Amino acid sequence: PSCCGSGCGGRDSRPGSVQYLTKRMSHGISTFSAGLNLLNGSVGVGVLGLPFAFKTSGWIALPILAFCASATYYTAAVICKVLSGASAKGKDGKRLSRDQEDLNYDYLGAVAWGSRGQMIAASVQLGELMIAAIAILLLLGSNLAELSQKTISAQQALLLAATVSYVLCITRPALLAYFSLLSLGVVVAQVAVLTSMAGLRTAEEISVAFRSTSMSEGPEGALEALGAMMFCFGGHSMLPSQFAQMKSPREAPRLLRRIFIFMALLYGTIGSLGYALYGVAVRDKFVDNFPIESWVTFGTRVAMTYNLQSTMPIILAAISSYALPATLLTTVVWLRAAAIRLVLILIVLALTASLGDRFDLVVSVGGACLVSAVSLTFPLSINVKLNWHLMAPAERLWNVGLLAFSLLFAADGTRRGLVSQGML
């Protein structure tokens, strides 16, 4: 049977299997809240770069987007499958059983390859999350400084962003879902406003722009668009921490289907409309197509800042989940969480300040490798290790093909990063 089937989250009848997946927990967050948090962690300011991704590749971007959605949904379902059966046999043949609240990305490696796999999985996940946290903090600082019209320095803006992030990440987990809901609403409204403003162009301008589009811009453009879209469908590193908080984790498979369908439709709509309305004139950030001093540009910057700020606590919660249970039920545990997350935000702030201009190099070179490892390579490798004997020939071919693709994607992303930094 396929790992994406209805067995994900179902009852495991094997001896010694944990049974929490068959009932609702008395605490934790709802399926809807988990879905909002996962969407907020994936749907961010990167969506405004999708029209440019369509420009670099042409209309072939649509099947590329469909492929990215299918591949990342499949690997997300694999992660769900492994977490749901939290009693699989590890490398040494013993059963690895964990309570739901203790599940994390490292469990995937532990099930397949024992303690060494556990260490590698945790390192890869934490590396990706730390890069994401630093990138978001840098963008927040830059946006806050711009919005204040330079009345606060870049350092002060970073400190303000870190402070707000800390306050948000020690709030109740259920409350974060409201921030995520508002953030998603802001993103959708932002895209709607930008598209409607673009639609105010004359029919002749739109016609000229559309005629400038093409079906394909060649392999190099397709690879560039592929990289941009893979980043937009990321967020796998935050899936285990949200899964661990769910009251009813057996609903996770249906939740994942809805999330990826929503993202595919949203990304396809944004990319297609932006490319059709502006053609080859579309810029790498869609908002740059409008006057710098316009209210649209200012409002978009405010929306981007809020979206980034609401994503930060989800990332920090995922990092700190290695030291904390998924739900903070007592005052003592909450105080411990507050202390751990304070140390964490200070570490992120210090790394952000110390990296400075070198951060572009770290992201460009390491970003593709880490995203590919977390979202594709590691889940697929684990699936092959644990479920190869259960797969139909077509699914085996799909897994092997995706594994080869993930390695090529990481290598090409690293090459592009070195080229962009003038090192190759």
Protein backbone atom coordinates (compact mmCIF):
# COMPACT_ATOMS: atom_id res chain seq x y z
CA PRO A 1 0.00 0.00 0.00
CA SER A 2 1.05 3.55 -0.67
CA CYS A 3 2.36 5.62 2.22
CA CYS A 4 -0.01 8.38 1.16
CA GLY A 5 -3.06 6.22 1.65
CA SER A 6 -5.64 6.21 4.39
CA GLY A 7 -3.39 4.17 6.65
CA CYS A 8 -1.57 7.32 7.67
CA GLY A 9 -2.77 8.01 11.17
CA GLY A 10 -4.93 4.90 11.35
CA ARG A 11 -4.92 2.24 14.05
CA ASP A 12 -1.84 0.05 14.16
CA SER A 13 -2.81 -3.43 15.32
CA ARG A 14 0.73 -4.70 15.83
CA PRO A 15 1.68 -5.71 19.39
CA GLY A 16 3.14 -2.86 21.38
CA SER A 17 1.80 -0.15 19.08
CA VAL A 18 0.83 3.15 20.63
CA GLN A 19 -2.88 3.89 20.41
CA TYR A 20 -3.01 7.66 20.82
CA LEU A 21 -3.71 8.14 17.14
CA THR A 22 -7.13 6.54 17.40
CA LYS A 23 -8.56 9.03 19.89
CA ARG A 24 -8.64 12.74 20.53
CA MET A 25 -6.20 14.18 23.06
CA SER A 26 -7.61 16.12 25.96
CA HIS A 27 -5.21 18.97 25.22
CA GLY A 28 -3.35 20.37 22.25
CA ILE A 29 -4.50 22.34 19.23
CA SER A 30 -7.26 21.64 16.74
CA THR A 31 -6.66 20.32 13.24
CA PHE A 32 -7.73 23.69 11.85
CA SER A 33 -5.17 25.52 14.02
CA ALA A 34 -2.38 23.16 12.97
CA GLY A 35 -3.30 23.69 9.33
CA LEU A 36 -3.22 27.47 9.71
CA ASN A 37 0.21 27.33 11.36
CA LEU A 38 1.60 25.07 8.64
CA LEU A 39 0.22 27.31 5.90
CA ASN A 40 1.62 30.39 7.60
CA GLY A 41 5.02 28.72 7.77
CA SER A 42 4.98 28.00 4.02
CA VAL A 43 2.96 30.81 2.40
CA GLY A 44 5.03 33.92 2.94
CA VAL A 45 6.59 36.85 1.14
CA GLY A 46 8.09 34.43 -1.40
CA VAL A 47 4.75 34.28 -3.21
CA LEU A 48 5.38 37.77 -4.59
CA GLY A 49 8.36 36.38 -6.47
CA LEU A 50 6.32 33.77 -8.35
CA PRO A 51 5.41 36.00 -11.33
CA PHE A 52 9.14 36.50 -11.89
CA ALA A 53 9.66 32.72 -11.68
CA PHE A 54 7.07 32.38 -14.45
CA LYS A 55 8.97 35.00 -16.44
CA THR A 56 12.28 33.12 -16.15
CA SER A 57 10.75 29.85 -17.36
CA GLY A 58 7.69 30.78 -19.43
CA TRP A 59 4.31 29.04 -19.16
CA ILE A 60 6.08 25.74 -18.59
CA ALA A 61 6.14 27.01 -15.00
CA LEU A 62 2.63 25.61 -14.55
CA PRO A 63 3.61 21.92 -14.96
CA ILE A 64 6.76 22.63 -12.92
CA LEU A 65 4.56 23.97 -10.13
CA ALA A 66 2.32 20.91 -10.33
CA PHE A 67 5.37 18.65 -10.06
CA CYS A 68 6.71 20.55 -7.01
CA ALA A 69 3.31 20.34 -5.32
CA SER A 70 3.02 16.59 -5.98
CA ALA A 71 6.57 15.80 -4.84
CA THR A 72 6.41 17.82 -1.62
CA TYR A 73 2.94 16.55 -0.77
CA TYR A 74 4.16 12.99 -1.15
CA THR A 75 7.13 13.54 1.18
CA ALA A 76 4.93 15.36 3.71
CA ALA A 77 2.65 12.32 3.69
CA VAL A 78 5.70 10.10 4.28
CA ILE A 79 6.62 12.14 7.36
CA CYS A 80 3.03 11.84 8.57
CA LYS A 81 3.11 8.08 7.99
CA VAL A 82 6.26 7.56 10.05
CA LEU A 83 5.13 9.83 12.88
CA SER A 84 1.73 8.14 12.99
CA GLY A 85 3.21 4.69 13.46
CA ALA A 86 5.41 5.70 16.37
CA SER A 87 6.35 2.10 17.10
CA ALA A 88 8.24 1.03 13.99
CA LYS A 89 11.33 -1.16 14.32
CA GLY A 90 14.63 0.67 14.33
CA LYS A 91 17.97 -0.42 12.97
CA ASP A 92 18.64 -2.66 15.95
CA GLY A 93 15.30 -4.42 15.59
CA LYS A 94 13.86 -2.94 18.77
CA ARG A 95 10.67 -0.97 18.83
CA LEU A 96 11.03 2.79 19.06
CA SER A 97 8.00 4.12 20.88
CA ARG A 98 7.43 7.76 21.76
CA ASP A 99 4.55 9.70 23.18
CA GLN A 100 2.89 12.01 20.70
CA GLU A 101 4.16 15.14 22.45
CA ASP A 102 7.78 13.98 22.09
CA LEU A 103 7.63 13.34 18.34
CA ASN A 104 9.95 15.40 16.18
CA TYR A 105 11.89 15.30 12.93
CA ASP A 106 14.74 13.39 14.58
CA TYR A 107 12.36 10.46 15.13
CA LEU A 108 12.34 9.85 11.37
CA GLY A 109 16.07 9.20 11.38
CA ALA A 110 15.92 7.14 14.56
CA VAL A 111 13.33 4.77 13.10
CA ALA A 112 15.34 4.13 9.95
CA TRP A 113 18.97 4.28 11.04
CA GLY A 114 19.15 4.37 14.83
CA SER A 115 21.03 7.00 16.84
CA ARG A 116 23.26 8.06 13.94
CA GLY A 117 20.23 8.74 11.73
CA GLN A 118 18.54 10.55 14.60
CA MET A 119 21.52 12.90 14.96
CA ILE A 120 21.70 13.61 11.23
CA ALA A 121 17.95 14.27 10.96
CA ALA A 122 17.98 16.65 13.91
CA SER A 123 21.04 18.50 12.59
CA VAL A 124 19.56 18.98 9.12
CA GLN A 125 16.23 20.18 10.49
CA LEU A 126 17.76 22.58 13.01
CA GLY A 127 20.14 23.94 10.36
CA GLU A 128 17.27 24.77 8.03
CA LEU A 129 15.18 26.29 10.81
CA MET A 130 18.06 28.45 12.07
CA ILE A 131 18.76 29.78 8.57
CA ALA A 132 15.04 30.54 8.17
CA ALA A 133 14.92 32.32 11.56
CA ILE A 134 17.96 34.47 10.76
CA ALA A 135 16.63 35.31 7.29
CA ILE A 136 13.25 36.34 8.67
CA LEU A 137 14.84 38.44 11.41
CA LEU A 138 17.00 40.24 8.84
CA LEU A 139 13.98 40.94 6.62
CA LEU A 140 11.97 42.12 9.61
CA GLY A 141 14.72 44.50 10.66
CA SER A 142 15.03 45.89 7.15
CA ASN A 143 11.26 46.37 6.75
CA LEU A 144 10.86 47.99 10.16
CA ALA A 145 13.70 50.42 9.45
CA GLU A 146 12.13 51.33 6.08
CA LEU A 147 8.65 51.76 7.57
CA SER A 148 10.05 54.08 10.26
CA GLN A 149 11.66 56.13 7.46
CA LYS A 150 15.06 55.48 9.02
CA THR A 151 14.09 57.01 12.38
CA ILE A 152 15.36 53.80 13.97
CA SER A 153 18.65 52.17 13.06
CA ALA A 154 19.00 48.71 11.59
CA GLN A 155 20.29 47.41 14.94
CA GLN A 156 17.33 48.89 16.81
CA ALA A 157 14.95 47.41 14.25
CA LEU A 158 16.53 43.97 14.72
CA LEU A 159 16.17 44.25 18.49
CA LEU A 160 12.52 45.31 18.16
CA ALA A 161 11.76 42.42 15.81
CA ALA A 162 13.46 39.95 18.17
CA THR A 163 11.51 41.30 21.16
CA VAL A 164 8.15 40.99 19.42
CA SER A 165 9.08 37.51 18.19
CA TYR A 166 9.89 36.42 21.74
CA VAL A 167 6.61 37.77 23.14
CA LEU A 168 4.64 35.95 20.45
CA CYS A 169 6.47 32.64 20.88
CA ILE A 170 5.60 32.40 24.60
CA THR A 171 1.88 32.89 24.03
CA ARG A 172 -0.56 29.99 24.06
CA PRO A 173 -0.11 27.68 21.03
CA ALA A 174 -3.82 27.94 20.22
CA LEU A 175 -3.50 31.73 20.09
CA LEU A 176 -0.85 31.52 17.40
CA ALA A 177 -3.46 30.07 15.06
CA TYR A 178 -5.32 33.40 15.13
CA PHE A 179 -2.13 35.22 14.15
CA SER A 180 -1.64 32.67 11.36
CA LEU A 181 -5.22 33.10 10.15
CA LEU A 182 -4.81 36.87 10.02
CA SER A 183 -1.44 36.47 8.30
CA LEU A 184 -2.92 34.27 5.57
CA GLY A 185 -5.76 36.73 5.14
CA VAL A 186 -3.22 39.52 4.78
CA VAL A 187 -1.27 37.58 2.13
CA VAL A 188 -4.41 36.84 0.10
CA ALA A 189 -5.63 40.44 0.41
CA GLN A 190 -2.18 41.71 -0.53
CA VAL A 191 -2.12 39.60 -3.68
CA ALA A 192 -5.67 40.62 -4.54
CA VAL A 193 -4.84 44.34 -4.21
CA LEU A 194 -1.65 44.05 -6.25
CA THR A 195 -3.42 42.08 -8.98
CA SER A 196 -6.36 44.49 -9.10
CA MET A 197 -3.98 47.45 -9.34
CA ALA A 198 -2.19 45.73 -12.21
CA GLY A 199 -5.56 45.14 -13.80
CA LEU A 200 -6.12 48.90 -14.00
CA ARG A 201 -3.70 49.02 -16.90
CA THR A 202 -5.20 49.67 -20.32
CA ALA A 203 -6.33 46.79 -22.48
CA GLU A 204 -3.58 47.61 -24.97
CA GLU A 205 -0.89 47.46 -22.26
CA ILE A 206 -2.18 44.11 -21.03
CA SER A 207 -2.38 42.77 -24.58
CA VAL A 208 1.23 43.81 -25.30
CA ALA A 209 2.38 42.26 -22.02
CA PHE A 210 0.61 38.96 -22.70
CA ARG A 211 2.03 38.74 -26.22
CA SER A 212 5.52 39.08 -24.74
CA THR A 213 5.09 35.86 -22.75
CA SER A 214 6.37 32.53 -24.08
CA MET A 215 5.86 28.83 -23.51
CA SER A 216 9.46 28.18 -22.47
CA GLU A 217 12.63 30.17 -21.83
CA GLY A 218 14.91 27.15 -21.94
CA PRO A 219 16.39 24.70 -19.40
CA GLU A 220 18.24 27.35 -17.38
CA GLY A 221 15.07 29.35 -16.79
CA ALA A 222 13.13 26.21 -15.91
CA LEU A 223 15.73 25.25 -13.30
CA GLU A 224 15.60 28.73 -11.76
CA ALA A 225 11.80 28.58 -11.53
CA LEU A 226 12.00 25.08 -10.07
CA GLY A 227 14.25 26.33 -7.28
CA ALA A 228 11.93 29.21 -6.42
CA MET A 229 8.87 26.96 -6.34
CA MET A 230 10.53 24.28 -4.21
CA PHE A 231 11.24 26.92 -1.56
CA CYS A 232 7.58 28.00 -1.65
CA PHE A 233 6.42 24.42 -0.97
CA GLY A 234 8.83 23.96 1.94
CA GLY A 235 7.83 23.92 5.59
CA HIS A 236 8.36 20.20 6.20
CA SER A 237 10.65 20.94 9.13
CA MET A 238 7.69 22.47 11.00
CA LEU A 239 5.32 19.57 10.29
CA PRO A 240 6.46 17.28 13.18
CA SER A 241 6.03 19.96 15.87
CA GLN A 242 2.52 20.79 14.65
CA PHE A 243 1.65 17.09 14.36
CA ALA A 244 2.78 16.58 17.97
CA GLN A 245 0.36 19.27 19.17
CA MET A 246 -2.73 18.03 17.33
CA LYS A 247 -5.65 16.78 19.38
CA SER A 248 -6.57 14.36 16.61
CA PRO A 249 -3.44 13.48 14.56
CA ARG A 250 -5.31 10.87 12.52
CA GLU A 251 -6.84 13.83 10.65
CA ALA A 252 -3.36 14.86 9.44
CA PRO A 253 -3.56 13.14 5.99
CA ARG A 254 -6.73 14.97 5.02
CA LEU A 255 -5.26 18.19 6.40
CA LEU A 256 -2.14 17.80 4.25
CA ARG A 257 -4.21 17.26 1.09
CA ARG A 258 -6.16 20.45 1.71
CA ILE A 259 -3.01 22.46 2.50
CA PHE A 260 -1.19 21.44 -0.67
CA ILE A 261 -4.23 21.90 -2.90
CA PHE A 262 -4.68 25.40 -1.47
CA MET A 263 -1.01 26.28 -1.96
CA ALA A 264 -0.94 24.92 -5.52
CA LEU A 265 -4.02 26.93 -6.50
CA LEU A 266 -2.76 30.09 -4.77
CA TYR A 267 0.73 29.91 -6.26
CA GLY A 268 -0.57 29.06 -9.73
CA THR A 269 -3.01 31.98 -9.66
CA ILE A 270 -0.42 34.50 -8.44
CA GLY A 271 2.26 33.42 -10.90
CA SER A 272 -0.08 33.22 -13.90
CA LEU A 273 -1.81 36.55 -13.32
CA GLY A 274 1.40 38.44 -12.62
CA TYR A 275 3.11 37.03 -15.69
CA ALA A 276 0.08 37.56 -17.93
CA LEU A 277 -0.42 41.19 -16.80
CA TYR A 278 3.22 42.30 -17.04
CA GLY A 279 4.90 39.77 -19.34
CA VAL A 280 8.66 40.10 -19.63
CA ALA A 281 8.53 43.43 -17.76
CA VAL A 282 7.60 41.79 -14.44
CA ARG A 283 10.24 42.35 -11.75
CA ASP A 284 11.72 39.87 -9.31
CA LYS A 285 9.51 41.28 -6.53
CA PHE A 286 6.02 41.91 -7.83
CA VAL A 287 5.55 44.96 -5.62
CA ASP A 288 8.48 46.65 -7.44
CA ASN A 289 6.21 47.04 -10.46
CA PHE A 290 4.49 49.89 -8.60
CA PRO A 291 5.81 53.38 -7.68
CA ILE A 292 8.06 53.34 -4.60
CA GLU A 293 6.10 56.05 -2.76
CA SER A 294 2.61 54.71 -3.53
CA TRP A 295 0.21 53.53 -0.82
CA VAL A 296 0.21 50.10 -2.45
CA THR A 297 3.95 49.72 -1.90
CA PHE A 298 3.71 50.97 1.69
CA GLY A 299 0.77 48.71 2.48
CA THR A 300 2.54 45.73 0.93
CA ARG A 301 5.61 46.38 3.09
CA VAL A 302 3.41 46.50 6.20
CA ALA A 303 1.73 43.24 5.16
CA MET A 304 5.10 41.58 4.54
CA THR A 305 6.30 42.66 7.98
CA TYR A 306 3.26 41.21 9.70
CA ASN A 307 3.51 37.97 7.76
CA LEU A 308 7.18 37.56 8.68
CA GLN A 309 6.53 38.44 12.31
CA SER A 310 3.74 35.88 12.65
CA THR A 311 5.92 33.15 11.12
CA MET A 312 8.83 33.67 13.52
CA PRO A 313 7.21 32.12 16.65
CA ILE A 314 6.27 28.98 14.70
CA ILE A 315 9.89 28.51 13.67
CA LEU A 316 11.18 29.19 17.19
CA ALA A 317 8.66 26.73 18.62
CA ALA A 318 9.86 24.06 16.18
CA ILE A 319 13.50 24.62 17.21
CA SER A 320 12.74 24.60 20.95
CA SER A 321 10.55 21.49 20.65
CA TYR A 322 13.65 19.34 21.20
CA ALA A 323 13.82 20.62 24.77
CA LEU A 324 10.11 21.02 25.49
CA PRO A 325 6.88 19.02 25.26
CA ALA A 326 4.54 20.04 22.47
CA THR A 327 1.94 21.44 24.88
CA LEU A 328 2.79 23.66 27.86
CA LEU A 329 0.29 22.44 30.46
CA THR A 330 1.76 23.72 33.74
CA THR A 331 3.20 27.01 34.96
CA VAL A 332 6.57 25.37 35.62
CA VAL A 333 6.79 24.03 32.07
CA TRP A 334 5.68 27.39 30.67
CA LEU A 335 8.39 29.22 32.64
CA ARG A 336 10.96 26.72 31.42
CA ALA A 337 9.76 27.27 27.86
CA ALA A 338 10.00 31.04 28.30
CA ALA A 339 13.60 30.75 29.51
CA ILE A 340 14.66 28.36 26.73
CA ARG A 341 13.07 30.48 24.02
CA LEU A 342 14.68 33.63 25.44
CA VAL A 343 18.09 32.00 25.10
CA LEU A 344 17.15 30.83 21.61
CA ILE A 345 16.08 34.27 20.38
CA LEU A 346 19.28 35.77 21.79
CA ILE A 347 21.33 33.16 19.88
CA VAL A 348 19.43 33.93 16.66
CA LEU A 349 19.94 37.66 17.23
CA ALA A 350 23.67 37.20 17.87
CA LEU A 351 24.08 35.04 14.75
CA THR A 352 22.16 37.56 12.67
CA ALA A 353 24.41 40.39 13.83
CA SER A 354 27.64 38.40 13.44
CA LEU A 355 26.97 37.01 9.97
CA GLY A 356 26.20 40.38 8.42
CA ASP A 357 27.02 40.44 4.72
CA ARG A 358 28.15 36.81 4.81
CA PHE A 359 24.59 35.63 5.38
CA ASP A 360 23.81 35.80 1.64
CA LEU A 361 26.64 33.33 1.06
CA VAL A 362 25.34 30.96 3.77
CA VAL A 363 21.79 31.04 2.38
CA SER A 364 22.83 30.80 -1.27
CA VAL A 365 25.17 27.85 -0.75
CA GLY A 366 23.50 25.98 2.10
CA GLY A 367 19.84 26.85 1.60
CA ALA A 368 19.18 24.56 -1.37
CA CYS A 369 20.98 21.63 0.26
CA LEU A 370 19.08 21.93 3.55
CA VAL A 371 15.67 22.51 1.98
CA SER A 372 16.22 19.57 -0.37
CA ALA A 373 17.37 17.34 2.49
CA VAL A 374 14.46 18.20 4.81
CA SER A 375 11.69 18.28 2.20
CA LEU A 376 12.81 15.53 -0.18
CA THR A 377 15.98 13.52 0.37
CA PHE A 378 15.53 12.48 3.99
CA PRO A 379 11.80 11.55 3.85
CA LEU A 380 12.30 9.64 0.60
CA SER A 381 15.33 7.76 1.94
CA ILE A 382 13.39 6.77 5.04
CA ASN A 383 10.43 5.68 2.94
CA VAL A 384 12.65 3.47 0.79
CA LYS A 385 14.27 2.02 3.91
CA LEU A 386 11.03 1.22 5.74
CA ASN A 387 8.41 0.65 3.05
CA TRP A 388 10.20 -0.60 -0.08
CA HIS A 389 8.69 -4.07 0.26
CA LEU A 390 5.19 -2.57 0.47
CA MET A 391 5.46 -0.39 -2.63
CA ALA A 392 4.05 -1.15 -6.06
CA PRO A 393 6.57 -0.93 -8.95
CA ALA A 394 5.26 2.49 -10.00
CA GLU A 395 5.72 3.89 -6.50
CA ARG A 396 9.23 2.46 -6.29
CA LEU A 397 10.10 4.20 -9.55
CA TRP A 398 8.56 7.45 -8.23
CA ASN A 399 10.66 7.26 -5.06
CA VAL A 400 13.92 6.53 -6.88
CA GLY A 401 13.23 9.26 -9.43
CA LEU A 402 12.45 11.83 -6.72
CA LEU A 403 15.58 10.86 -4.80
CA ALA A 404 17.72 11.45 -7.89
CA PHE A 405 15.93 14.74 -8.50
CA SER A 406 16.50 15.92 -4.89
CA LEU A 407 20.25 15.35 -5.20
CA LEU A 408 20.40 17.18 -8.54
CA PHE A 409 18.31 20.03 -7.11
CA ALA A 410 20.71 20.42 -4.15
CA ALA A 411 23.75 20.36 -6.44
CA ASP A 412 22.26 22.87 -8.89
CA GLY A 413 21.12 25.16 -6.07
CA THR A 414 24.61 25.15 -4.58
CA ARG A 415 26.11 25.91 -7.99
CA ARG A 416 23.74 28.83 -8.47
CA GLY A 417 24.56 30.12 -5.00
CA LEU A 418 28.30 30.06 -5.71
CA VAL A 419 27.74 31.80 -9.04
CA SER A 420 25.58 34.52 -7.43
CA GLN A 421 28.33 35.19 -4.90
CA GLY A 422 31.01 35.37 -7.60
CA MET A 423 32.77 32.26 -6.31
CA LEU A 424 32.25 30.12 -9.41
